[in-house]
Amino acid sequence: MIERVPMSKTGYARLREELLRLQRVDRLEVITAIGVAREHGDLKENAEYHAAKERQSHIEGRIMELKDKLGRAEIIDCSAVSCARAVFGSVVTIEDLDSGQEIVYQLLGPEEADVKKGSISVFSPWGRAIIGKTIGDEFEVKTPSGVRMLEVIDIKSGVEA
């Protein structure tokens, strides 16, 4: 059975754009670079050739990875998710009960998670702890600095970033 990967519409579009760029631009550029490097002679000692071949390997690997992820993607409209519980796509406001600090995260897939931009993966320890919670629920999360007690303050439908 295929394991589905949850993804927002925006996240899917970003990965699709990256795939197309790799296939239509980067792949052709590296093929040209390999051709030019071959013209320089002995391939055994040709650093330019080996660097181009290594780049080609990285590009082809990423193309395969993106095709796999896009093929398994379960696209979710974040603007239409329920606000009754924290679910994929929700924007959740959490209060740290020890410090009183409020934190806002959007729950997204692993390919879209970026803590600096305010999104975390639903598969991360924080994401797993938040999923399914309702406003007023208290819960704990283990962090490197110790266990933190948190409370869900607000849940909103997500926006497509």
N, C-alpha and C. Protein backbone atom coordinates (compact mmCIF):
# COMPACT_ATOMS: atom_id res chain seq x y z
N MET A 1 0.84 -1.19 0.00
CA MET A 1 0.00 0.00 0.00
C MET A 1 0.89 1.25 0.00
N ILE A 2 0.50 2.23 -0.76
CA ILE A 2 1.27 3.46 -0.89
C ILE A 2 1.00 4.36 0.30
N GLU A 3 2.07 4.85 0.93
CA GLU A 3 1.94 5.77 2.04
C GLU A 3 1.75 7.18 1.49
N ARG A 4 0.60 7.76 1.75
CA ARG A 4 0.28 9.10 1.25
C ARG A 4 1.04 10.14 2.06
N VAL A 5 1.41 11.24 1.40
CA VAL A 5 2.12 12.35 2.03
C VAL A 5 1.21 13.57 1.99
N PRO A 6 0.78 14.06 3.17
CA PRO A 6 -0.09 15.24 3.16
C PRO A 6 0.69 16.46 2.69
N MET A 7 0.03 17.29 1.88
CA MET A 7 0.69 18.45 1.31
C MET A 7 -0.34 19.52 0.98
N SER A 8 0.01 20.77 1.22
CA SER A 8 -0.89 21.86 0.85
C SER A 8 -0.82 22.07 -0.65
N LYS A 9 -1.80 22.79 -1.18
CA LYS A 9 -1.79 23.11 -2.62
C LYS A 9 -0.53 23.88 -2.98
N THR A 10 -0.16 24.83 -2.13
CA THR A 10 1.02 25.65 -2.38
C THR A 10 2.30 24.81 -2.33
N GLY A 11 2.39 23.93 -1.35
CA GLY A 11 3.56 23.05 -1.25
C GLY A 11 3.69 22.15 -2.46
N TYR A 12 2.56 21.62 -2.93
CA TYR A 12 2.56 20.78 -4.13
C TYR A 12 3.05 21.58 -5.34
N ALA A 13 2.54 22.79 -5.47
CA ALA A 13 2.93 23.64 -6.61
C ALA A 13 4.43 23.95 -6.58
N ARG A 14 4.98 24.21 -5.39
CA ARG A 14 6.42 24.50 -5.26
C ARG A 14 7.26 23.30 -5.69
N LEU A 15 6.86 22.11 -5.22
CA LEU A 15 7.63 20.92 -5.61
C LEU A 15 7.50 20.66 -7.10
N ARG A 16 6.33 20.89 -7.65
CA ARG A 16 6.11 20.68 -9.09
C ARG A 16 6.98 21.64 -9.90
N GLU A 17 7.06 22.90 -9.46
CA GLU A 17 7.90 23.89 -10.14
C GLU A 17 9.37 23.49 -10.08
N GLU A 18 9.81 23.00 -8.91
CA GLU A 18 11.20 22.55 -8.77
C GLU A 18 11.49 21.39 -9.71
N LEU A 19 10.55 20.44 -9.78
CA LEU A 19 10.72 19.29 -10.68
C LEU A 19 10.85 19.74 -12.13
N LEU A 20 9.97 20.62 -12.56
CA LEU A 20 10.02 21.11 -13.94
C LEU A 20 11.32 21.85 -14.23
N ARG A 21 11.79 22.67 -13.28
CA ARG A 21 13.04 23.39 -13.46
C ARG A 21 14.22 22.41 -13.58
N LEU A 22 14.23 21.40 -12.73
CA LEU A 22 15.31 20.41 -12.79
C LEU A 22 15.30 19.67 -14.13
N GLN A 23 14.10 19.30 -14.59
CA GLN A 23 13.99 18.54 -15.83
C GLN A 23 14.28 19.39 -17.07
N ARG A 24 13.81 20.62 -17.08
CA ARG A 24 13.87 21.45 -18.30
C ARG A 24 15.08 22.38 -18.37
N VAL A 25 15.65 22.73 -17.22
CA VAL A 25 16.75 23.70 -17.22
C VAL A 25 18.04 23.06 -16.70
N ASP A 26 18.02 22.65 -15.44
CA ASP A 26 19.24 22.15 -14.81
C ASP A 26 19.80 20.91 -15.50
N ARG A 27 18.93 20.00 -15.88
CA ARG A 27 19.38 18.78 -16.55
C ARG A 27 20.09 19.11 -17.87
N LEU A 28 19.53 20.02 -18.64
CA LEU A 28 20.14 20.41 -19.92
C LEU A 28 21.46 21.14 -19.71
N GLU A 29 21.52 22.00 -18.68
CA GLU A 29 22.76 22.72 -18.39
C GLU A 29 23.89 21.76 -18.03
N VAL A 30 23.60 20.76 -17.22
CA VAL A 30 24.65 19.83 -16.79
C VAL A 30 25.09 18.94 -17.95
N ILE A 31 24.19 18.59 -18.84
CA ILE A 31 24.56 17.80 -20.03
C ILE A 31 25.53 18.62 -20.90
N THR A 32 25.23 19.89 -21.05
CA THR A 32 26.13 20.79 -21.80
C THR A 32 27.49 20.88 -21.12
N ALA A 33 27.50 21.02 -19.80
CA ALA A 33 28.75 21.12 -19.05
C ALA A 33 29.59 19.86 -19.18
N ILE A 34 28.94 18.71 -19.19
CA ILE A 34 29.65 17.43 -19.36
C ILE A 34 30.28 17.39 -20.75
N GLY A 35 29.53 17.82 -21.75
CA GLY A 35 30.04 17.85 -23.13
C GLY A 35 31.25 18.74 -23.28
N VAL A 36 31.19 19.92 -22.67
CA VAL A 36 32.31 20.86 -22.73
C VAL A 36 33.53 20.26 -22.01
N ALA A 37 33.30 19.66 -20.85
CA ALA A 37 34.41 19.09 -20.08
C ALA A 37 35.06 17.93 -20.83
N ARG A 38 34.27 17.15 -21.56
CA ARG A 38 34.81 16.03 -22.35
C ARG A 38 35.79 16.51 -23.42
N GLU A 39 35.51 17.68 -23.96
CA GLU A 39 36.36 18.24 -25.01
C GLU A 39 37.75 18.64 -24.50
N HIS A 40 37.90 18.72 -23.18
CA HIS A 40 39.17 19.14 -22.59
C HIS A 40 40.18 18.00 -22.48
N GLY A 41 39.79 16.81 -22.90
CA GLY A 41 40.77 15.73 -22.95
C GLY A 41 40.56 14.66 -21.89
N ASP A 42 41.68 14.16 -21.38
CA ASP A 42 41.73 13.02 -20.46
C ASP A 42 40.68 13.14 -19.34
N LEU A 43 39.73 12.22 -19.32
CA LEU A 43 38.64 12.27 -18.34
C LEU A 43 39.09 11.84 -16.94
N LYS A 44 40.16 11.05 -16.84
CA LYS A 44 40.62 10.57 -15.54
C LYS A 44 41.07 11.71 -14.63
N GLU A 45 41.67 12.72 -15.20
CA GLU A 45 42.20 13.83 -14.40
C GLU A 45 41.45 15.14 -14.67
N ASN A 46 40.24 15.03 -15.17
CA ASN A 46 39.46 16.21 -15.54
C ASN A 46 38.47 16.54 -14.41
N ALA A 47 38.86 17.47 -13.54
CA ALA A 47 38.03 17.84 -12.38
C ALA A 47 36.69 18.44 -12.82
N GLU A 48 36.70 19.20 -13.91
CA GLU A 48 35.48 19.82 -14.41
C GLU A 48 34.47 18.75 -14.82
N TYR A 49 34.95 17.71 -15.47
CA TYR A 49 34.09 16.61 -15.90
C TYR A 49 33.49 15.89 -14.70
N HIS A 50 34.34 15.57 -13.72
CA HIS A 50 33.86 14.85 -12.53
C HIS A 50 32.86 15.69 -11.73
N ALA A 51 33.09 16.98 -11.64
CA ALA A 51 32.15 17.87 -10.93
C ALA A 51 30.80 17.91 -11.65
N ALA A 52 30.83 17.96 -12.97
CA ALA A 52 29.58 17.99 -13.75
C ALA A 52 28.84 16.66 -13.61
N LYS A 53 29.57 15.55 -13.62
CA LYS A 53 28.93 14.24 -13.47
C LYS A 53 28.31 14.10 -12.07
N GLU A 54 29.00 14.64 -11.06
CA GLU A 54 28.47 14.58 -9.70
C GLU A 54 27.20 15.43 -9.60
N ARG A 55 27.23 16.60 -10.20
CA ARG A 55 26.03 17.47 -10.20
C ARG A 55 24.88 16.77 -10.92
N GLN A 56 25.18 16.10 -12.03
CA GLN A 56 24.16 15.36 -12.77
C GLN A 56 23.53 14.28 -11.87
N SER A 57 24.36 13.60 -11.11
CA SER A 57 23.87 12.57 -10.20
C SER A 57 22.92 13.17 -9.15
N HIS A 58 23.28 14.33 -8.60
CA HIS A 58 22.42 14.99 -7.61
C HIS A 58 21.09 15.42 -8.23
N ILE A 59 21.15 15.95 -9.43
CA ILE A 59 19.93 16.40 -10.12
C ILE A 59 19.01 15.22 -10.39
N GLU A 60 19.57 14.13 -10.91
CA GLU A 60 18.74 12.95 -11.22
C GLU A 60 18.15 12.35 -9.95
N GLY A 61 18.92 12.35 -8.86
CA GLY A 61 18.40 11.85 -7.59
C GLY A 61 17.25 12.68 -7.07
N ARG A 62 17.39 14.00 -7.16
CA ARG A 62 16.33 14.90 -6.70
C ARG A 62 15.09 14.77 -7.57
N ILE A 63 15.27 14.58 -8.87
CA ILE A 63 14.13 14.38 -9.78
C ILE A 63 13.35 13.14 -9.36
N MET A 64 14.06 12.06 -9.08
CA MET A 64 13.39 10.82 -8.65
C MET A 64 12.67 11.02 -7.33
N GLU A 65 13.30 11.72 -6.39
CA GLU A 65 12.70 11.99 -5.09
C GLU A 65 11.42 12.81 -5.23
N LEU A 66 11.49 13.87 -6.07
CA LEU A 66 10.31 14.72 -6.26
C LEU A 66 9.18 13.97 -6.95
N LYS A 67 9.49 13.16 -7.94
CA LYS A 67 8.45 12.37 -8.62
C LYS A 67 7.75 11.45 -7.62
N ASP A 68 8.53 10.84 -6.73
CA ASP A 68 7.95 9.96 -5.72
C ASP A 68 7.03 10.74 -4.78
N LYS A 69 7.50 11.87 -4.26
CA LYS A 69 6.70 12.65 -3.32
C LYS A 69 5.44 13.21 -3.96
N LEU A 70 5.57 13.70 -5.19
CA LEU A 70 4.40 14.24 -5.88
C LEU A 70 3.40 13.13 -6.22
N GLY A 71 3.92 11.96 -6.53
CA GLY A 71 3.04 10.83 -6.83
C GLY A 71 2.28 10.33 -5.62
N ARG A 72 2.84 10.51 -4.43
CA ARG A 72 2.19 10.06 -3.20
C ARG A 72 1.47 11.19 -2.47
N ALA A 73 1.48 12.39 -3.04
CA ALA A 73 0.91 13.56 -2.37
C ALA A 73 -0.61 13.44 -2.21
N GLU A 74 -1.05 13.80 -1.03
CA GLU A 74 -2.47 13.95 -0.76
C GLU A 74 -2.67 15.45 -0.54
N ILE A 75 -3.21 16.12 -1.56
CA ILE A 75 -3.32 17.57 -1.54
C ILE A 75 -4.50 18.00 -0.68
N ILE A 76 -4.21 18.89 0.26
CA ILE A 76 -5.23 19.36 1.19
C ILE A 76 -5.36 20.88 1.07
N ASP A 77 -6.60 21.35 0.95
CA ASP A 77 -6.88 22.78 0.88
C ASP A 77 -6.88 23.33 2.31
N CYS A 78 -5.80 24.02 2.69
CA CYS A 78 -5.64 24.51 4.06
C CYS A 78 -6.66 25.56 4.44
N SER A 79 -7.22 26.26 3.46
CA SER A 79 -8.20 27.30 3.77
C SER A 79 -9.57 26.72 4.09
N ALA A 80 -9.75 25.42 3.87
CA ALA A 80 -11.06 24.80 4.10
C ALA A 80 -11.06 23.80 5.25
N VAL A 81 -10.00 23.78 6.06
CA VAL A 81 -9.95 22.81 7.16
C VAL A 81 -10.82 23.27 8.32
N SER A 82 -11.27 22.32 9.11
CA SER A 82 -12.11 22.60 10.27
C SER A 82 -11.30 23.29 11.35
N CYS A 83 -11.97 24.15 12.10
CA CYS A 83 -11.32 24.84 13.22
C CYS A 83 -11.68 24.20 14.56
N ALA A 84 -12.43 23.11 14.54
CA ALA A 84 -12.84 22.45 15.77
C ALA A 84 -11.66 21.77 16.46
N ARG A 85 -10.77 21.22 15.67
CA ARG A 85 -9.59 20.51 16.18
C ARG A 85 -8.37 20.93 15.36
N ALA A 86 -7.20 20.75 15.94
CA ALA A 86 -5.96 21.01 15.21
C ALA A 86 -5.75 19.86 14.22
N VAL A 87 -5.75 20.19 12.94
CA VAL A 87 -5.56 19.20 11.87
C VAL A 87 -4.54 19.73 10.88
N PHE A 88 -4.18 18.91 9.91
CA PHE A 88 -3.25 19.36 8.88
C PHE A 88 -3.77 20.65 8.26
N GLY A 89 -2.92 21.65 8.18
CA GLY A 89 -3.29 22.93 7.59
C GLY A 89 -3.75 23.98 8.59
N SER A 90 -4.10 23.55 9.80
CA SER A 90 -4.55 24.50 10.83
C SER A 90 -3.42 25.42 11.25
N VAL A 91 -3.81 26.64 11.64
CA VAL A 91 -2.88 27.56 12.29
C VAL A 91 -3.26 27.56 13.76
N VAL A 92 -2.33 27.08 14.59
CA VAL A 92 -2.61 26.87 16.01
C VAL A 92 -1.78 27.83 16.85
N THR A 93 -2.47 28.54 17.77
CA THR A 93 -1.79 29.40 18.72
C THR A 93 -1.68 28.64 20.04
N ILE A 94 -0.46 28.56 20.54
CA ILE A 94 -0.17 27.78 21.74
C ILE A 94 0.46 28.70 22.77
N GLU A 95 0.12 28.50 24.04
CA GLU A 95 0.75 29.25 25.12
C GLU A 95 1.64 28.31 25.91
N ASP A 96 2.87 28.73 26.14
CA ASP A 96 3.78 28.00 27.02
C ASP A 96 3.35 28.34 28.44
N LEU A 97 2.85 27.37 29.19
CA LEU A 97 2.29 27.65 30.52
C LEU A 97 3.34 28.05 31.54
N ASP A 98 4.60 27.72 31.29
CA ASP A 98 5.66 28.11 32.22
C ASP A 98 6.10 29.56 32.01
N SER A 99 6.25 29.96 30.74
CA SER A 99 6.77 31.30 30.45
C SER A 99 5.68 32.29 30.06
N GLY A 100 4.51 31.81 29.67
CA GLY A 100 3.44 32.69 29.21
C GLY A 100 3.60 33.11 27.76
N GLN A 101 4.65 32.65 27.11
CA GLN A 101 4.92 32.99 25.71
C GLN A 101 3.90 32.31 24.80
N GLU A 102 3.43 33.07 23.79
CA GLU A 102 2.53 32.50 22.79
C GLU A 102 3.31 32.17 21.53
N ILE A 103 3.00 31.03 20.96
CA ILE A 103 3.66 30.55 19.75
C ILE A 103 2.57 30.22 18.73
N VAL A 104 2.79 30.58 17.47
CA VAL A 104 1.82 30.29 16.42
C VAL A 104 2.51 29.43 15.37
N TYR A 105 1.90 28.27 15.07
CA TYR A 105 2.43 27.36 14.05
C TYR A 105 1.32 26.94 13.11
N GLN A 106 1.67 26.77 11.84
CA GLN A 106 0.77 26.12 10.90
C GLN A 106 1.26 24.68 10.76
N LEU A 107 0.36 23.73 10.85
CA LEU A 107 0.70 22.31 10.75
C LEU A 107 0.71 21.90 9.28
N LEU A 108 1.89 21.55 8.77
CA LEU A 108 2.04 21.18 7.37
C LEU A 108 2.83 19.88 7.25
N GLY A 109 3.08 19.48 6.02
CA GLY A 109 3.84 18.26 5.76
C GLY A 109 5.34 18.49 5.90
N PRO A 110 6.11 17.40 5.92
CA PRO A 110 7.55 17.51 6.12
C PRO A 110 8.27 18.32 5.05
N GLU A 111 7.78 18.32 3.83
CA GLU A 111 8.42 19.09 2.75
C GLU A 111 8.19 20.58 2.88
N GLU A 112 7.17 20.97 3.63
CA GLU A 112 6.80 22.38 3.74
C GLU A 112 7.19 23.00 5.07
N ALA A 113 7.55 22.17 6.03
CA ALA A 113 7.84 22.66 7.37
C ALA A 113 9.04 23.58 7.38
N ASP A 114 8.88 24.73 8.04
CA ASP A 114 9.95 25.70 8.20
C ASP A 114 9.64 26.51 9.45
N VAL A 115 10.28 26.16 10.55
CA VAL A 115 10.00 26.80 11.84
C VAL A 115 10.20 28.31 11.75
N LYS A 116 11.20 28.74 11.00
CA LYS A 116 11.46 30.18 10.89
C LYS A 116 10.31 30.91 10.22
N LYS A 117 9.54 30.21 9.39
CA LYS A 117 8.39 30.82 8.73
C LYS A 117 7.08 30.49 9.44
N GLY A 118 7.18 29.80 10.58
CA GLY A 118 5.99 29.53 11.38
C GLY A 118 5.23 28.28 11.01
N SER A 119 5.89 27.31 10.39
CA SER A 119 5.21 26.06 10.07
C SER A 119 6.04 24.88 10.56
N ILE A 120 5.34 23.87 11.07
CA ILE A 120 6.01 22.65 11.54
C ILE A 120 5.35 21.44 10.90
N SER A 121 6.09 20.36 10.84
CA SER A 121 5.59 19.12 10.26
C SER A 121 4.62 18.44 11.22
N VAL A 122 3.57 17.88 10.66
CA VAL A 122 2.62 17.12 11.47
C VAL A 122 3.28 15.84 12.01
N PHE A 123 4.42 15.46 11.45
CA PHE A 123 5.13 14.25 11.89
C PHE A 123 6.22 14.55 12.92
N SER A 124 6.48 15.84 13.20
CA SER A 124 7.48 16.21 14.20
C SER A 124 6.90 15.95 15.59
N PRO A 125 7.75 15.88 16.63
CA PRO A 125 7.23 15.69 17.99
C PRO A 125 6.20 16.75 18.38
N TRP A 126 6.46 18.01 18.05
CA TRP A 126 5.50 19.08 18.35
C TRP A 126 4.22 18.88 17.55
N GLY A 127 4.36 18.58 16.27
CA GLY A 127 3.19 18.39 15.41
C GLY A 127 2.32 17.23 15.90
N ARG A 128 2.95 16.11 16.23
CA ARG A 128 2.19 14.95 16.74
C ARG A 128 1.49 15.28 18.05
N ALA A 129 2.12 16.11 18.89
CA ALA A 129 1.51 16.48 20.17
C ALA A 129 0.31 17.42 19.96
N ILE A 130 0.36 18.25 18.94
CA ILE A 130 -0.70 19.25 18.70
C ILE A 130 -1.90 18.65 17.96
N ILE A 131 -1.65 17.75 17.01
CA ILE A 131 -2.73 17.18 16.19
C ILE A 131 -3.85 16.63 17.07
N GLY A 132 -5.07 16.99 16.72
CA GLY A 132 -6.25 16.47 17.42
C GLY A 132 -6.67 17.29 18.63
N LYS A 133 -5.84 18.23 19.04
CA LYS A 133 -6.18 19.03 20.22
C LYS A 133 -7.24 20.07 19.86
N THR A 134 -7.99 20.48 20.90
CA THR A 134 -9.01 21.52 20.75
C THR A 134 -8.61 22.71 21.62
N ILE A 135 -9.29 23.84 21.43
CA ILE A 135 -9.00 25.03 22.22
C ILE A 135 -9.21 24.71 23.70
N GLY A 136 -8.22 25.08 24.51
CA GLY A 136 -8.28 24.83 25.95
C GLY A 136 -7.54 23.57 26.38
N ASP A 137 -7.20 22.68 25.43
CA ASP A 137 -6.47 21.46 25.78
C ASP A 137 -5.07 21.80 26.23
N GLU A 138 -4.64 21.16 27.33
CA GLU A 138 -3.28 21.28 27.80
C GLU A 138 -2.54 19.99 27.46
N PHE A 139 -1.26 20.13 27.13
CA PHE A 139 -0.47 18.96 26.79
C PHE A 139 0.99 19.26 27.04
N GLU A 140 1.81 18.22 27.00
CA GLU A 140 3.24 18.43 27.21
C GLU A 140 4.03 17.93 26.02
N VAL A 141 5.18 18.58 25.82
CA VAL A 141 6.09 18.21 24.75
C VAL A 141 7.49 18.10 25.35
N LYS A 142 8.17 17.01 25.03
CA LYS A 142 9.54 16.84 25.49
C LYS A 142 10.46 17.58 24.53
N THR A 143 11.31 18.43 25.08
CA THR A 143 12.29 19.18 24.29
C THR A 143 13.67 18.91 24.87
N PRO A 144 14.72 19.27 24.14
CA PRO A 144 16.07 19.08 24.69
C PRO A 144 16.29 19.78 26.03
N SER A 145 15.56 20.88 26.27
CA SER A 145 15.72 21.60 27.53
C SER A 145 14.75 21.11 28.62
N GLY A 146 14.00 20.07 28.33
CA GLY A 146 13.08 19.51 29.32
C GLY A 146 11.65 19.48 28.81
N VAL A 147 10.75 19.03 29.66
CA VAL A 147 9.33 18.93 29.30
C VAL A 147 8.68 20.30 29.42
N ARG A 148 7.91 20.67 28.39
CA ARG A 148 7.20 21.95 28.40
C ARG A 148 5.70 21.69 28.44
N MET A 149 5.02 22.41 29.32
CA MET A 149 3.56 22.33 29.41
C MET A 149 2.98 23.43 28.53
N LEU A 150 2.06 23.04 27.65
CA LEU A 150 1.49 23.96 26.67
C LEU A 150 -0.02 23.88 26.69
N GLU A 151 -0.66 24.94 26.19
CA GLU A 151 -2.12 24.98 26.08
C GLU A 151 -2.50 25.56 24.72
N VAL A 152 -3.49 24.96 24.07
CA VAL A 152 -4.00 25.47 22.80
C VAL A 152 -4.90 26.66 23.10
N ILE A 153 -4.54 27.82 22.55
CA ILE A 153 -5.29 29.06 22.78
C ILE A 153 -6.29 29.33 21.64
N ASP A 154 -5.86 29.02 20.38
CA ASP A 154 -6.71 29.32 19.24
C ASP A 154 -6.38 28.39 18.09
N ILE A 155 -7.38 28.10 17.27
CA ILE A 155 -7.20 27.30 16.06
C ILE A 155 -7.93 28.00 14.93
N LYS A 156 -7.21 28.23 13.83
CA LYS A 156 -7.81 28.88 12.66
C LYS A 156 -7.55 28.02 11.42
N SER A 157 -8.36 28.23 10.41
CA SER A 157 -8.08 27.60 9.11
C SER A 157 -6.77 28.16 8.61
N GLY A 158 -6.02 27.31 7.96
CA GLY A 158 -4.74 27.75 7.42
C GLY A 158 -4.93 28.55 6.15
N VAL A 159 -3.90 29.26 5.81
CA VAL A 159 -3.88 30.01 4.56
C VAL A 159 -2.84 29.35 3.67
N GLU A 160 -3.09 29.38 2.41
CA GLU A 160 -2.11 28.85 1.46
C GLU A 160 -1.01 29.88 1.34
N ALA A 161 0.18 29.51 1.83
CA ALA A 161 1.31 30.45 1.87
C ALA A 161 1.96 30.63 0.53
